Amino acid sequence: MVASIIGPILIYLERFLIGSLLPMSSVAYYSAPYEAVTRLWVIPASLSMTLVPVFSILEGIKDKEKLRTLFARSLKYVLLVMGSIIILVEVFAEGILQIWLGADFVTRSTSVLQILGLGVLINSFAQTPFAFLQGIGRPDIPAKFSLFELPVYIAIVCFFISQWGITGAAAAWTVRVTLAALLLFGATFELYRLSLRLLSIDGVILTGFTILLLIATAYVLKSLLGFLSIFAQLTPLLALVGLFAWFTWVKGMDAVECCG
């Protein structure tokens, strides 16, 4: 109950602070990329909604092994889906803004979109431990973390905006969701005595490293093909994402995941 109240309060507080601290002429350059990229939350949110009752059932029957496995695999699936999408946002931020909103937004909002995209990926990743804590009957933990985040975020956003404007606002938001993710993961690992070995066994760490490699390769391709149109640049990058999907399917999935 408390968590469901604090979440909307945080969102309204963020909007109030942004609107109050930024010049009116700059608010649109922040709000447009924010509203666009945060719509991607529908993907991890949908997964999170299905995980809560499953986590609850497994906790009820005390099947901790399946609980741990489901937790790790859910992290991997979020990485696979959201990582592939955010890579496109990060690499083609300029092109997306150029087509969507025009050259003025390219100049003012490219770094904002990229920073917010990173924050959305981190926050999407944090949806799994959030669902985990809800499912095992500890919704009080995320609520307490949110209360802790409130004063920290206010201090950070005020300082960052005063120093870097709308880019600082995007960075402050990403710092907040990163802090929230670290707290949620820390609580989950502590409560269930999880280890990094679990993430390694279920392919989470391999998937993470593969995504980092994919990001680096995508940026190299983008720089080499920068003279082409954005649509021409997309072709090899989509092929690269397809190769990534094939690799993670072969190397990151076990027989149960691949074949049911």
C-alpha atoms as a PDB file:
ATOM      1  CA  MET A   1       0.000   0.000   0.000  1.00  0.00           C
ATOM      2  CA  VAL A   2       2.753   2.440   0.988  1.00  0.00           C
ATOM      3  CA  ALA A   3       4.808   1.600  -2.105  1.00  0.00           C
ATOM      4  CA  SER A   4       1.838   2.288  -4.395  1.00  0.00           C
ATOM      5  CA  ILE A   5       1.482   5.763  -2.843  1.00  0.00           C
ATOM      6  CA  ILE A   6       5.165   6.730  -2.819  1.00  0.00           C
ATOM      7  CA  GLY A   7       5.733   5.818  -6.482  1.00  0.00           C
ATOM      8  CA  PRO A   8       3.319   8.423  -7.897  1.00  0.00           C
ATOM      9  CA  ILE A   9       4.574  10.975  -5.352  1.00  0.00           C
ATOM     10  CA  LEU A  10       8.100  10.551  -6.677  1.00  0.00           C
ATOM     11  CA  ILE A  11       6.924  11.013 -10.254  1.00  0.00           C
ATOM     12  CA  TYR A  12       4.963  14.172  -9.440  1.00  0.00           C
ATOM     13  CA  LEU A  13       7.884  15.511  -7.403  1.00  0.00           C
ATOM     14  CA  GLU A  14      10.251  14.943 -10.316  1.00  0.00           C
ATOM     15  CA  ARG A  15       7.967  16.828 -12.685  1.00  0.00           C
ATOM     16  CA  PHE A  16       7.488  19.665 -10.199  1.00  0.00           C
ATOM     17  CA  LEU A  17      11.236  20.048  -9.642  1.00  0.00           C
ATOM     18  CA  ILE A  18      12.032  19.968 -13.349  1.00  0.00           C
ATOM     19  CA  GLY A  19       9.325  22.518 -14.097  1.00  0.00           C
ATOM     20  CA  SER A  20      10.436  24.765 -11.242  1.00  0.00           C
ATOM     21  CA  LEU A  21      14.198  24.633 -11.657  1.00  0.00           C
ATOM     22  CA  LEU A  22      14.514  24.699 -15.442  1.00  0.00           C
ATOM     23  CA  PRO A  23      13.754  27.792 -17.548  1.00  0.00           C
ATOM     24  CA  MET A  24      10.425  27.426 -19.334  1.00  0.00           C
ATOM     25  CA  SER A  25      12.237  27.605 -22.676  1.00  0.00           C
ATOM     26  CA  SER A  26      14.218  24.471 -21.756  1.00  0.00           C
ATOM     27  CA  VAL A  27      11.479  22.288 -20.274  1.00  0.00           C
ATOM     28  CA  ALA A  28      10.287  20.991 -23.660  1.00  0.00           C
ATOM     29  CA  TYR A  29      13.827  19.901 -24.591  1.00  0.00           C
ATOM     30  CA  TYR A  30      13.804  17.666 -21.522  1.00  0.00           C
ATOM     31  CA  SER A  31      10.150  16.605 -21.422  1.00  0.00           C
ATOM     32  CA  ALA A  32       9.898  15.369 -25.020  1.00  0.00           C
ATOM     33  CA  PRO A  33      12.728  12.783 -24.857  1.00  0.00           C
ATOM     34  CA  TYR A  34      11.696  11.839 -21.300  1.00  0.00           C
ATOM     35  CA  GLU A  35       8.096  11.121 -22.265  1.00  0.00           C
ATOM     36  CA  ALA A  36       9.220   9.172 -25.330  1.00  0.00           C
ATOM     37  CA  VAL A  37      11.903   6.949 -23.827  1.00  0.00           C
ATOM     38  CA  THR A  38      10.040   6.174 -20.584  1.00  0.00           C
ATOM     39  CA  ARG A  39       7.196   4.675 -22.614  1.00  0.00           C
ATOM     40  CA  LEU A  40       9.517   1.708 -23.047  1.00  0.00           C
ATOM     41  CA  TRP A  41       8.721   0.885 -19.418  1.00  0.00           C
ATOM     42  CA  VAL A  42       5.628  -0.941 -20.638  1.00  0.00           C
ATOM     43  CA  ILE A  43       7.875  -3.896 -21.550  1.00  0.00           C
ATOM     44  CA  PRO A  44       9.539  -4.574 -18.172  1.00  0.00           C
ATOM     45  CA  ALA A  45       6.354  -3.501 -16.350  1.00  0.00           C
ATOM     46  CA  SER A  46       4.391  -6.216 -18.177  1.00  0.00           C
ATOM     47  CA  LEU A  47       6.972  -8.816 -17.169  1.00  0.00           C
ATOM     48  CA  SER A  48       7.000  -7.531 -13.587  1.00  0.00           C
ATOM     49  CA  MET A  49       3.211  -7.889 -13.300  1.00  0.00           C
ATOM     50  CA  THR A  50       3.408 -11.559 -14.263  1.00  0.00           C
ATOM     51  CA  LEU A  51       6.364 -12.251 -11.976  1.00  0.00           C
ATOM     52  CA  VAL A  52       4.809 -11.060  -8.714  1.00  0.00           C
ATOM     53  CA  PRO A  53       2.198 -13.862  -8.390  1.00  0.00           C
ATOM     54  CA  VAL A  54       4.704 -16.494  -9.514  1.00  0.00           C
ATOM     55  CA  PHE A  55       7.275 -15.339  -6.977  1.00  0.00           C
ATOM     56  CA  SER A  56       4.511 -15.366  -4.373  1.00  0.00           C
ATOM     57  CA  ILE A  57       3.487 -18.946  -5.187  1.00  0.00           C
ATOM     58  CA  LEU A  58       7.077 -20.204  -5.134  1.00  0.00           C
ATOM     59  CA  GLU A  59       7.685 -18.452  -1.825  1.00  0.00           C
ATOM     60  CA  GLY A  60       4.492 -19.989  -0.445  1.00  0.00           C
ATOM     61  CA  ILE A  61       5.624 -23.528  -1.267  1.00  0.00           C
ATOM     62  CA  LYS A  62       9.191 -22.702  -0.181  1.00  0.00           C
ATOM     63  CA  ASP A  63      10.718 -23.679  -3.522  1.00  0.00           C
ATOM     64  CA  LYS A  64      13.715 -21.400  -3.177  1.00  0.00           C
ATOM     65  CA  GLU A  65      15.671 -23.061  -5.952  1.00  0.00           C
ATOM     66  CA  LYS A  66      13.038 -22.292  -8.586  1.00  0.00           C
ATOM     67  CA  LEU A  67      12.619 -18.832  -7.095  1.00  0.00           C
ATOM     68  CA  ARG A  68      16.302 -18.070  -7.568  1.00  0.00           C
ATOM     69  CA  THR A  69      16.318 -19.514 -11.084  1.00  0.00           C
ATOM     70  CA  LEU A  70      13.263 -17.499 -12.133  1.00  0.00           C
ATOM     71  CA  PHE A  71      14.832 -14.349 -10.706  1.00  0.00           C
ATOM     72  CA  ALA A  72      18.066 -14.831 -12.668  1.00  0.00           C
ATOM     73  CA  ARG A  73      16.354 -15.759 -15.923  1.00  0.00           C
ATOM     74  CA  SER A  74      14.010 -12.791 -15.688  1.00  0.00           C
ATOM     75  CA  LEU A  75      17.020 -10.497 -15.435  1.00  0.00           C
ATOM     76  CA  LYS A  76      18.449 -12.101 -18.560  1.00  0.00           C
ATOM     77  CA  TYR A  77      15.236 -11.663 -20.540  1.00  0.00           C
ATOM     78  CA  VAL A  78      15.005  -7.984 -19.586  1.00  0.00           C
ATOM     79  CA  LEU A  79      18.609  -7.485 -20.656  1.00  0.00           C
ATOM     80  CA  LEU A  80      18.010  -9.197 -23.973  1.00  0.00           C
ATOM     81  CA  VAL A  81      14.894  -7.230 -24.890  1.00  0.00           C
ATOM     82  CA  MET A  82      15.567  -3.820 -23.369  1.00  0.00           C
ATOM     83  CA  GLY A  83      19.285  -3.903 -24.110  1.00  0.00           C
ATOM     84  CA  SER A  84      18.635  -4.400 -27.827  1.00  0.00           C
ATOM     85  CA  ILE A  85      16.147  -1.514 -27.909  1.00  0.00           C
ATOM     86  CA  ILE A  86      18.225   0.924 -25.849  1.00  0.00           C
ATOM     87  CA  ILE A  87      21.257   0.283 -28.070  1.00  0.00           C
ATOM     88  CA  LEU A  88      19.282   1.691 -30.998  1.00  0.00           C
ATOM     89  CA  VAL A  89      18.222   4.690 -28.913  1.00  0.00           C
ATOM     90  CA  GLU A  90      21.792   5.389 -27.794  1.00  0.00           C
ATOM     91  CA  VAL A  91      23.410   5.026 -31.198  1.00  0.00           C
ATOM     92  CA  PHE A  92      20.716   6.758 -33.243  1.00  0.00           C
ATOM     93  CA  ALA A  93      19.632   9.433 -30.752  1.00  0.00           C
ATOM     94  CA  GLU A  94      20.540  12.244 -33.159  1.00  0.00           C
ATOM     95  CA  GLY A  95      18.738  10.664 -36.091  1.00  0.00           C
ATOM     96  CA  ILE A  96      15.642   9.884 -34.025  1.00  0.00           C
ATOM     97  CA  LEU A  97      15.389  13.476 -32.809  1.00  0.00           C
ATOM     98  CA  GLN A  98      16.105  14.863 -36.284  1.00  0.00           C
ATOM     99  CA  ILE A  99      13.265  12.894 -37.863  1.00  0.00           C
ATOM    100  CA  TRP A 100      10.877  13.320 -34.958  1.00  0.00           C
ATOM    101  CA  LEU A 101      11.392  16.871 -33.664  1.00  0.00           C
ATOM    102  CA  GLY A 102      13.885  18.674 -35.888  1.00  0.00           C
ATOM    103  CA  ALA A 103      17.409  20.085 -35.788  1.00  0.00           C
ATOM    104  CA  ASP A 104      16.854  22.299 -32.745  1.00  0.00           C
ATOM    105  CA  PHE A 105      16.118  19.261 -30.580  1.00  0.00           C
ATOM    106  CA  VAL A 106      19.171  17.465 -31.982  1.00  0.00           C
ATOM    107  CA  THR A 107      21.382  20.222 -30.605  1.00  0.00           C
ATOM    108  CA  ARG A 108      19.672  20.502 -27.231  1.00  0.00           C
ATOM    109  CA  SER A 109      18.285  17.044 -26.464  1.00  0.00           C
ATOM    110  CA  THR A 110      20.627  14.375 -27.877  1.00  0.00           C
ATOM    111  CA  SER A 111      22.630  13.903 -24.675  1.00  0.00           C
ATOM    112  CA  VAL A 112      19.400  14.089 -22.657  1.00  0.00           C
ATOM    113  CA  LEU A 113      17.864  11.233 -24.656  1.00  0.00           C
ATOM    114  CA  GLN A 114      21.014   9.118 -24.349  1.00  0.00           C
ATOM    115  CA  ILE A 115      21.330   9.638 -20.585  1.00  0.00           C
ATOM    116  CA  LEU A 116      17.640   8.955 -20.023  1.00  0.00           C
ATOM    117  CA  GLY A 117      17.882   5.851 -22.225  1.00  0.00           C
ATOM    118  CA  LEU A 118      20.602   4.474 -19.964  1.00  0.00           C
ATOM    119  CA  GLY A 119      18.428   5.251 -16.946  1.00  0.00           C
ATOM    120  CA  VAL A 120      15.457   3.434 -18.484  1.00  0.00           C
ATOM    121  CA  LEU A 121      17.609   0.339 -19.057  1.00  0.00           C
ATOM    122  CA  ILE A 122      18.832   0.381 -15.445  1.00  0.00           C
ATOM    123  CA  ASN A 123      15.330   0.959 -14.130  1.00  0.00           C
ATOM    124  CA  SER A 124      13.963  -1.851 -16.325  1.00  0.00           C
ATOM    125  CA  PHE A 125      16.577  -4.173 -14.877  1.00  0.00           C
ATOM    126  CA  ALA A 126      15.470  -3.149 -11.361  1.00  0.00           C
ATOM    127  CA  GLN A 127      11.863  -4.205 -12.021  1.00  0.00           C
ATOM    128  CA  THR A 128      12.800  -7.835 -11.347  1.00  0.00           C
ATOM    129  CA  PRO A 129      14.095  -7.385  -7.778  1.00  0.00           C
ATOM    130  CA  PHE A 130      11.154  -5.008  -7.159  1.00  0.00           C
ATOM    131  CA  ALA A 131       8.724  -7.757  -8.242  1.00  0.00           C
ATOM    132  CA  PHE A 132      10.713 -10.288  -6.220  1.00  0.00           C
ATOM    133  CA  LEU A 133      10.385  -8.306  -2.992  1.00  0.00           C
ATOM    134  CA  GLN A 134       6.678  -7.745  -3.652  1.00  0.00           C
ATOM    135  CA  GLY A 135       6.145 -11.437  -4.340  1.00  0.00           C
ATOM    136  CA  ILE A 136       7.872 -12.728  -1.209  1.00  0.00           C
ATOM    137  CA  GLY A 137       5.794 -10.430   0.976  1.00  0.00           C
ATOM    138  CA  ARG A 138       8.262  -7.599   1.577  1.00  0.00           C
ATOM    139  CA  PRO A 139       6.715  -4.571  -0.209  1.00  0.00           C
ATOM    140  CA  ASP A 140       7.845  -2.465   2.734  1.00  0.00           C
ATOM    141  CA  ILE A 141      11.453  -2.617   1.564  1.00  0.00           C
ATOM    142  CA  PRO A 142      10.971  -0.784  -1.779  1.00  0.00           C
ATOM    143  CA  ALA A 143       8.734   1.729   0.042  1.00  0.00           C
ATOM    144  CA  LYS A 144      11.447   2.471   2.602  1.00  0.00           C
ATOM    145  CA  PHE A 145      14.012   2.854  -0.160  1.00  0.00           C
ATOM    146  CA  SER A 146      11.742   5.325  -1.953  1.00  0.00           C
ATOM    147  CA  LEU A 147      11.470   7.408   1.221  1.00  0.00           C
ATOM    148  CA  PHE A 148      15.257   7.431   1.444  1.00  0.00           C
ATOM    149  CA  GLU A 149      15.564   8.462  -2.198  1.00  0.00           C
ATOM    150  CA  LEU A 150      13.331  11.530  -1.833  1.00  0.00           C
ATOM    151  CA  PRO A 151      15.751  13.880  -0.023  1.00  0.00           C
ATOM    152  CA  VAL A 152      18.738  12.474  -1.917  1.00  0.00           C
ATOM    153  CA  TYR A 153      17.072  13.112  -5.272  1.00  0.00           C
ATOM    154  CA  ILE A 154      16.019  16.641  -4.310  1.00  0.00           C
ATOM    155  CA  ALA A 155      19.609  17.512  -3.402  1.00  0.00           C
ATOM    156  CA  ILE A 156      21.059  15.902  -6.515  1.00  0.00           C
ATOM    157  CA  VAL A 157      18.586  17.389  -8.990  1.00  0.00           C
ATOM    158  CA  CYS A 158      18.975  20.903  -7.568  1.00  0.00           C
ATOM    159  CA  PHE A 159      22.758  20.727  -7.849  1.00  0.00           C
ATOM    160  CA  PHE A 160      22.870  19.022 -11.238  1.00  0.00           C
ATOM    161  CA  ILE A 161      20.399  21.409 -12.855  1.00  0.00           C
ATOM    162  CA  SER A 162      22.261  24.424 -11.489  1.00  0.00           C
ATOM    163  CA  GLN A 163      25.460  23.088 -13.065  1.00  0.00           C
ATOM    164  CA  TRP A 164      24.346  21.451 -16.309  1.00  0.00           C
ATOM    165  CA  GLY A 165      20.747  22.425 -17.046  1.00  0.00           C
ATOM    166  CA  ILE A 166      18.582  19.850 -18.817  1.00  0.00           C
ATOM    167  CA  THR A 167      21.522  17.460 -19.185  1.00  0.00           C
ATOM    168  CA  GLY A 168      21.969  17.677 -15.430  1.00  0.00           C
ATOM    169  CA  ALA A 169      18.260  16.945 -14.935  1.00  0.00           C
ATOM    170  CA  ALA A 170      18.593  13.780 -17.048  1.00  0.00           C
ATOM    171  CA  ALA A 171      21.751  12.765 -15.164  1.00  0.00           C
ATOM    172  CA  ALA A 172      20.062  13.353 -11.781  1.00  0.00           C
ATOM    173  CA  TRP A 173      17.138  11.122 -12.777  1.00  0.00           C
ATOM    174  CA  THR A 174      19.492   8.391 -13.987  1.00  0.00           C
ATOM    175  CA  VAL A 175      21.503   8.613 -10.753  1.00  0.00           C
ATOM    176  CA  ARG A 176      18.275   8.215  -8.753  1.00  0.00           C
ATOM    177  CA  VAL A 177      17.086   5.125 -10.606  1.00  0.00           C
ATOM    178  CA  THR A 178      20.605   3.666 -10.398  1.00  0.00           C
ATOM    179  CA  LEU A 179      20.615   4.175  -6.627  1.00  0.00           C
ATOM    180  CA  ALA A 180      17.176   2.570  -6.422  1.00  0.00           C
ATOM    181  CA  ALA A 181      18.372  -0.407  -8.484  1.00  0.00           C
ATOM    182  CA  LEU A 182      21.435  -0.924  -6.286  1.00  0.00           C
ATOM    183  CA  LEU A 183      19.308  -0.846  -3.139  1.00  0.00           C
ATOM    184  CA  LEU A 184      16.746  -3.280  -4.547  1.00  0.00           C
ATOM    185  CA  PHE A 185      19.399  -5.714  -5.746  1.00  0.00           C
ATOM    186  CA  GLY A 186      21.269  -5.426  -2.459  1.00  0.00           C
ATOM    187  CA  ALA A 187      18.139  -6.234  -0.459  1.00  0.00           C
ATOM    188  CA  THR A 188      17.203  -9.151  -2.724  1.00  0.00           C
ATOM    189  CA  PHE A 189      20.661 -10.695  -2.622  1.00  0.00           C
ATOM    190  CA  GLU A 190      20.853 -10.257   1.148  1.00  0.00           C
ATOM    191  CA  LEU A 191      17.408 -11.707   1.909  1.00  0.00           C
ATOM    192  CA  TYR A 192      17.851 -14.815  -0.238  1.00  0.00           C
ATOM    193  CA  ARG A 193      21.602 -15.195   0.050  1.00  0.00           C
ATOM    194  CA  LEU A 194      21.992 -14.972  -3.716  1.00  0.00           C
ATOM    195  CA  SER A 195      25.441 -14.950  -5.270  1.00  0.00           C
ATOM    196  CA  LEU A 196      26.983 -13.804  -8.530  1.00  0.00           C
ATOM    197  CA  ARG A 197      27.509 -17.486  -9.327  1.00  0.00           C
ATOM    198  CA  LEU A 198      23.748 -17.814  -9.853  1.00  0.00           C
ATOM    199  CA  LEU A 199      23.855 -15.021 -12.431  1.00  0.00           C
ATOM    200  CA  SER A 200      26.790 -16.683 -14.143  1.00  0.00           C
ATOM    201  CA  ILE A 201      25.110 -20.100 -14.302  1.00  0.00           C
ATOM    202  CA  ASP A 202      21.918 -18.691 -15.823  1.00  0.00           C
ATOM    203  CA  GLY A 203      23.753 -16.616 -18.432  1.00  0.00           C
ATOM    204  CA  VAL A 204      23.031 -13.146 -17.023  1.00  0.00           C
ATOM    205  CA  ILE A 205      26.670 -12.093 -16.828  1.00  0.00           C
ATOM    206  CA  LEU A 206      27.419 -13.487 -20.308  1.00  0.00           C
ATOM    207  CA  THR A 207      24.437 -11.582 -21.699  1.00  0.00           C
ATOM    208  CA  GLY A 208      25.597  -8.383 -20.012  1.00  0.00           C
ATOM    209  CA  PHE A 209      29.094  -8.645 -21.456  1.00  0.00           C
ATOM    210  CA  THR A 210      27.665  -9.430 -24.884  1.00  0.00           C
ATOM    211  CA  ILE A 211      25.503  -6.302 -24.741  1.00  0.00           C
ATOM    212  CA  LEU A 212      28.528  -4.173 -23.809  1.00  0.00           C
ATOM    213  CA  LEU A 213      30.389  -5.624 -26.783  1.00  0.00           C
ATOM    214  CA  LEU A 214      27.368  -4.980 -28.991  1.00  0.00           C
ATOM    215  CA  ILE A 215      27.221  -1.331 -27.877  1.00  0.00           C
ATOM    216  CA  ALA A 216      30.899  -0.806 -28.633  1.00  0.00           C
ATOM    217  CA  THR A 217      30.586  -2.464 -32.049  1.00  0.00           C
ATOM    218  CA  ALA A 218      27.450  -0.447 -32.856  1.00  0.00           C
ATOM    219  CA  TYR A 219      29.228   2.838 -32.129  1.00  0.00           C
ATOM    220  CA  VAL A 220      32.151   1.815 -34.343  1.00  0.00           C
ATOM    221  CA  LEU A 221      29.758   0.916 -37.171  1.00  0.00           C
ATOM    222  CA  LYS A 222      27.919   4.198 -36.711  1.00  0.00           C
ATOM    223  CA  SER A 223      31.141   6.207 -36.968  1.00  0.00           C
ATOM    224  CA  LEU A 224      32.273   4.303 -40.072  1.00  0.00           C
ATOM    225  CA  LEU A 225      28.909   4.635 -41.810  1.00  0.00           C
ATOM    226  CA  GLY A 226      28.149   8.168 -40.683  1.00  0.00           C
ATOM    227  CA  PHE A 227      28.153   9.468 -44.270  1.00  0.00           C
ATOM    228  CA  LEU A 228      25.119   7.297 -45.108  1.00  0.00           C
ATOM    229  CA  SER A 229      21.478   8.076 -44.303  1.00  0.00           C
ATOM    230  CA  ILE A 230      20.086   6.841 -41.004  1.00  0.00           C
ATOM    231  CA  PHE A 231      18.039   4.176 -42.796  1.00  0.00           C
ATOM    232  CA  ALA A 232      21.142   2.852 -44.580  1.00  0.00           C
ATOM    233  CA  GLN A 233      23.017   2.788 -41.270  1.00  0.00           C
ATOM    234  CA  LEU A 234      20.203   0.807 -39.672  1.00  0.00           C
ATOM    235  CA  THR A 235      20.641  -2.190 -41.990  1.00  0.00           C
ATOM    236  CA  PRO A 236      24.041  -3.406 -40.710  1.00  0.00           C
ATOM    237  CA  LEU A 237      23.124  -2.498 -37.139  1.00  0.00           C
ATOM    238  CA  LEU A 238      19.925  -4.555 -37.275  1.00  0.00           C
ATOM    239  CA  ALA A 239      21.970  -7.407 -38.728  1.00  0.00           C
ATOM    240  CA  LEU A 240      24.316  -7.010 -35.757  1.00  0.00           C
ATOM    241  CA  VAL A 241      21.383  -7.163 -33.332  1.00  0.00           C
ATOM    242  CA  GLY A 242      20.174 -10.287 -35.133  1.00  0.00           C
ATOM    243  CA  LEU A 243      23.611 -11.861 -34.689  1.00  0.00           C
ATOM    244  CA  PHE A 244      23.474 -10.910 -31.018  1.00  0.00           C
ATOM    245  CA  ALA A 245      20.050 -12.571 -30.669  1.00  0.00           C
ATOM    246  CA  TRP A 246      21.346 -15.741 -32.317  1.00  0.00           C
ATOM    247  CA  PHE A 247      24.446 -15.836 -30.100  1.00  0.00           C
ATOM    248  CA  THR A 248      22.495 -15.368 -26.870  1.00  0.00           C
ATOM    249  CA  TRP A 249      19.970 -17.992 -27.977  1.00  0.00           C
ATOM    250  CA  VAL A 250      22.738 -20.525 -28.590  1.00  0.00           C
ATOM    251  CA  LYS A 251      25.083 -19.649 -25.729  1.00  0.00           C
ATOM    252  CA  GLY A 252      22.856 -17.963 -23.160  1.00  0.00           C
ATOM    253  CA  MET A 253      19.833 -20.280 -23.127  1.00  0.00           C
ATOM    254  CA  ASP A 254      19.706 -23.785 -21.740  1.00  0.00           C
ATOM    255  CA  ALA A 255      17.613 -26.664 -23.122  1.00  0.00           C
ATOM    256  CA  VAL A 256      14.593 -25.834 -20.942  1.00  0.00           C
ATOM    257  CA  GLU A 257      14.507 -22.188 -22.081  1.00  0.00           C
ATOM    258  CA  CYS A 258      15.016 -22.999 -25.752  1.00  0.00           C
ATOM    259  CA  CYS A 259      12.661 -25.930 -26.037  1.00  0.00           C
ATOM    260  CA  GLY A 260      10.280 -25.449 -23.099  1.00  0.00           C
END
